[in-house]
Protein backbone atom coordinates (compact mmCIF):
# COMPACT_ATOMS: atom_id res chain seq x y z
CA MET A 1 0.00 0.00 0.00
CA ILE A 2 1.45 3.33 -1.10
CA LEU A 3 -0.55 5.46 1.33
CA ARG A 4 0.88 6.31 4.74
CA THR A 5 -0.88 7.24 7.94
CA GLY A 6 -1.65 10.92 8.37
CA GLN A 7 -1.67 11.66 4.63
CA ARG A 8 -4.28 13.76 2.84
CA VAL A 9 -5.68 12.26 -0.36
CA VAL A 10 -7.51 14.66 -2.69
CA PHE A 11 -9.57 13.50 -5.68
CA ILE A 12 -10.46 15.94 -8.44
CA GLY A 13 -12.32 15.48 -11.72
CA ASP A 14 -15.75 15.61 -13.32
CA SER A 15 -19.14 14.01 -12.57
CA ILE A 16 -17.64 10.54 -12.24
CA THR A 17 -15.65 11.85 -9.28
CA ASP A 18 -18.32 14.29 -8.04
CA CYS A 19 -21.11 11.70 -7.88
CA GLY A 20 -23.32 13.79 -5.55
CA ARG A 21 -20.56 14.88 -3.17
CA ARG A 22 -21.91 18.47 -3.13
CA ASP A 23 -25.48 17.52 -2.22
CA THR A 24 -27.17 14.16 -1.57
CA ALA A 25 -23.96 12.21 -0.98
CA ALA A 26 -21.76 14.78 0.77
CA PRO A 27 -18.86 14.86 1.36
CA TYR A 28 -17.34 11.92 -0.55
CA GLY A 29 -19.97 11.23 -3.22
CA ALA A 30 -21.71 7.94 -3.93
CA GLY A 31 -19.12 6.62 -6.36
CA TYR A 32 -15.58 5.34 -6.61
CA VAL A 33 -14.10 7.93 -4.22
CA SER A 34 -16.31 6.70 -1.38
CA LEU A 35 -15.59 3.09 -2.30
CA VAL A 36 -11.82 3.64 -2.42
CA ARG A 37 -11.97 5.36 0.97
CA SER A 38 -14.05 2.54 2.45
CA LEU A 39 -11.96 -0.26 0.99
CA VAL A 40 -8.64 1.27 2.02
CA SER A 41 -10.04 1.77 5.52
CA ALA A 42 -11.22 -1.84 5.68
CA ARG A 43 -8.02 -3.35 4.32
CA HIS A 44 -5.67 -1.05 6.22
CA PRO A 45 -7.35 -0.02 9.48
CA GLU A 46 -3.96 1.03 10.85
CA LEU A 47 -3.92 4.00 8.47
CA ASP A 48 -5.37 7.32 9.62
CA LEU A 49 -6.02 9.17 6.35
CA GLU A 50 -7.84 12.33 5.36
CA TRP A 51 -9.98 12.08 2.23
CA VAL A 52 -11.22 15.00 0.12
CA ASN A 53 -13.46 14.93 -2.98
CA ARG A 54 -13.28 17.94 -5.29
CA GLY A 55 -15.04 16.53 -8.35
CA VAL A 56 -17.45 18.85 -10.22
CA SER A 57 -19.93 17.53 -12.77
CA GLY A 58 -19.41 18.69 -16.33
CA ASP A 59 -15.77 19.68 -15.93
CA THR A 60 -13.18 19.59 -18.68
CA VAL A 61 -9.50 20.41 -18.18
CA ARG A 62 -10.41 24.02 -18.91
CA ASP A 63 -12.75 24.03 -15.92
CA LEU A 64 -10.10 22.34 -13.77
CA ALA A 65 -7.65 25.09 -14.70
CA ALA A 66 -10.10 27.75 -13.53
CA ARG A 67 -10.46 26.22 -10.06
CA TRP A 68 -7.09 24.49 -9.69
CA ALA A 69 -5.61 26.93 -7.17
CA ALA A 70 -8.59 26.66 -4.82
CA ASP A 71 -9.59 23.02 -5.27
CA ALA A 72 -6.24 21.30 -5.79
CA ILE A 73 -3.29 23.38 -4.60
CA ALA A 74 -4.99 25.01 -1.61
CA GLU A 75 -6.04 21.59 -0.35
CA ARG A 76 -2.34 20.78 0.24
CA PRO A 77 -2.59 17.13 -0.78
CA ASP A 78 -0.01 14.50 -0.06
CA TRP A 79 -1.63 12.55 -2.90
CA LEU A 80 -3.60 14.20 -5.69
CA SER A 81 -5.78 11.93 -7.83
CA VAL A 82 -6.97 13.30 -11.19
CA LEU A 83 -9.59 11.66 -13.40
CA ILE A 84 -10.61 14.01 -16.21
CA GLY A 85 -11.20 13.88 -19.95
CA ILE A 86 -14.51 12.32 -20.90
CA ASN A 87 -16.28 15.69 -21.18
CA ASP A 88 -13.36 17.03 -23.21
CA ILE A 89 -14.14 14.22 -25.69
CA TRP A 90 -17.91 13.81 -25.29
CA ARG A 91 -18.79 17.41 -26.14
CA ARG A 92 -17.59 16.81 -29.67
CA TYR A 93 -20.40 14.29 -30.14
CA GLY A 94 -23.20 16.34 -28.55
CA ASP A 95 -24.79 19.74 -28.96
CA ARG A 96 -21.83 21.71 -27.50
CA PRO A 97 -18.94 20.88 -29.87
CA ASP A 98 -17.32 24.27 -29.25
CA GLU A 99 -16.66 23.13 -25.66
CA ALA A 100 -14.76 20.01 -26.73
CA VAL A 101 -11.07 20.16 -25.85
CA PRO A 102 -8.66 19.08 -28.62
CA ILE A 103 -6.12 16.50 -27.56
CA ASP A 104 -3.13 18.83 -27.84
CA GLU A 105 -4.81 21.38 -25.57
CA TYR A 106 -5.85 18.60 -23.20
CA GLU A 107 -2.27 17.37 -22.91
CA ARG A 108 -0.78 20.83 -22.56
CA THR A 109 -3.29 21.95 -19.93
CA LEU A 110 -3.14 18.77 -17.87
CA ARG A 111 0.66 18.74 -17.90
CA ASP A 112 0.75 22.35 -16.71
CA LEU A 113 -1.77 21.72 -13.92
CA LEU A 114 0.13 18.70 -12.66
CA ARG A 115 3.39 20.64 -12.64
CA GLN A 116 1.77 23.48 -10.70
CA ALA A 117 0.47 21.07 -8.07
CA VAL A 118 3.74 19.20 -7.65
CA ASP A 119 5.81 22.40 -7.50
CA ALA A 120 3.46 24.10 -5.01
CA THR A 121 2.73 21.19 -2.67
CA GLY A 122 5.27 18.43 -3.29
CA CYS A 123 2.37 16.00 -3.71
CA ARG A 124 2.50 12.63 -5.40
CA LEU A 125 0.09 12.06 -8.28
CA ILE A 126 -2.50 9.41 -9.10
CA LEU A 127 -3.73 9.61 -12.71
CA GLY A 128 -6.77 7.73 -13.99
CA ASP A 129 -7.52 7.26 -17.68
CA PRO A 130 -10.65 8.76 -19.23
CA PHE A 131 -12.78 5.83 -20.39
CA LEU A 132 -15.86 4.85 -22.36
CA ILE A 133 -17.82 1.78 -21.35
CA GLU A 134 -17.94 0.53 -24.93
CA PRO A 135 -16.25 -2.66 -26.14
CA ASP A 136 -15.95 -1.64 -29.81
CA ARG A 137 -12.60 0.09 -30.04
CA THR A 138 -13.42 1.38 -33.54
CA PHE A 139 -16.45 3.31 -32.26
CA PRO A 140 -15.34 6.96 -32.73
CA GLN A 141 -15.85 8.13 -29.17
CA ARG A 142 -14.14 5.02 -27.80
CA ALA A 143 -11.23 5.54 -30.18
CA ASP A 144 -10.92 9.13 -28.95
CA ALA A 145 -11.04 7.96 -25.33
CA ASP A 146 -8.15 5.59 -26.05
CA ARG A 147 -6.12 8.43 -27.56
CA TYR A 148 -6.70 10.68 -24.55
CA ALA A 149 -5.95 7.79 -22.20
CA ALA A 150 -2.60 7.34 -23.93
CA VAL A 151 -1.83 10.97 -23.06
CA VAL A 152 -2.60 10.25 -19.41
CA ALA A 153 -0.42 7.14 -19.40
CA ALA A 154 2.48 9.15 -20.84
CA LEU A 155 2.00 11.90 -18.25
CA ALA A 156 1.93 9.29 -15.49
CA ALA A 157 5.32 8.06 -16.66
CA GLU A 158 6.61 11.61 -17.00
CA TYR A 159 5.61 12.52 -13.42
CA ASP A 160 6.33 9.13 -11.84
CA ALA A 161 2.66 9.00 -10.93
CA VAL A 162 0.52 6.06 -9.96
CA HIS A 163 -1.31 5.14 -13.17
CA VAL A 164 -4.83 3.71 -12.91
CA PRO A 165 -5.80 2.06 -16.25
CA THR A 166 -9.55 2.46 -15.88
CA GLN A 167 -10.36 1.63 -19.50
CA ALA A 168 -8.52 -1.67 -19.18
CA ALA A 169 -10.54 -2.40 -16.05
CA PHE A 170 -13.79 -1.91 -17.94
CA ASP A 171 -12.51 -3.84 -20.95
CA ARG A 172 -11.96 -6.81 -18.64
CA VAL A 173 -15.60 -6.88 -17.50
CA LEU A 174 -16.94 -5.99 -20.95
CA ALA A 175 -15.32 -9.13 -22.33
CA VAL A 176 -17.92 -11.21 -20.46
CA SER A 177 -20.84 -8.81 -19.85
CA PRO A 178 -22.92 -6.14 -21.63
CA ALA A 179 -22.13 -2.43 -21.29
CA LYS A 180 -25.64 -1.73 -19.91
CA ARG A 181 -24.73 -3.65 -16.78
CA TRP A 182 -22.20 -0.96 -15.93
CA ALA A 183 -23.73 2.28 -17.26
CA ASP A 184 -26.80 3.42 -19.18
CA ASP A 185 -24.94 6.02 -21.25
CA ARG A 186 -21.45 4.43 -21.41
CA VAL A 187 -20.07 7.32 -19.34
CA HIS A 188 -21.69 7.50 -15.90
CA PRO A 189 -21.25 4.16 -14.12
CA HIS A 190 -23.85 2.49 -11.95
CA LEU A 191 -22.58 1.52 -8.50
CA PRO A 192 -21.12 -1.79 -9.80
CA GLY A 193 -19.26 0.27 -12.42
CA HIS A 194 -17.88 2.49 -9.69
CA ALA A 195 -16.77 -0.70 -7.96
CA VAL A 196 -14.82 -1.58 -11.11
CA LEU A 197 -13.10 1.80 -10.83
CA ALA A 198 -12.44 1.43 -7.12
CA ASP A 199 -10.97 -2.03 -7.66
CA ALA A 200 -8.64 -0.58 -10.32
CA PHE A 201 -7.50 2.12 -7.89
CA LEU A 202 -6.85 -0.38 -5.08
CA THR A 203 -4.97 -2.67 -7.46
CA ALA A 204 -2.77 0.24 -8.57
CA PHE A 205 -2.12 1.27 -4.97
CA GLU A 206 -1.02 -2.23 -4.01
CA ALA A 207 0.95 -2.95 -7.19
CA THR A 208 2.89 0.31 -7.01
CA ALA A 209 3.90 -0.44 -3.43
CA THR A 210 5.63 -3.65 -4.54
CA HIS A 211 7.95 -1.91 -7.04
């Protein structure tokens, strides 16, 4: 386990991270953040950790940049987990294409935000891939998600971050089950889908600790 007692773990991202944390499911949300917190607590009761959820529904990296100082840096994380990108992609396929974020801007913005956080706080990073719960890799939105995920994987290597391959986690369950079991719209997971995410995070935490 990479986490150490007394550390502050901050999660930031879009609706997948938010998951009601600002209203009905305050303060951790009803998704993977709450599950990760609960599972780490159950598996490692000796750890006394502080958990913070700063997900906001609808965010792209542009939105993260606008609130980064207040919601990431000011939180003084020991670990900062970032899961962002599906809105950057998804908007291209909806009625707000002008709000889609091209991949070069996505990479440039995310790299800059990560550098700001590390320089200001000395935090370690946890980076999750944007994903689409769709088994057909030739489906245009899925193909885009894979391209953006490759950017995240490269940034994880660049920053010596913990990399959480969330798309691979969903691909594993999609090999033996329909997408509808995990999400109605291929983007917002049901609770079992959030469990897939949480399991991927826990696996990454434990695997990284062995290296």
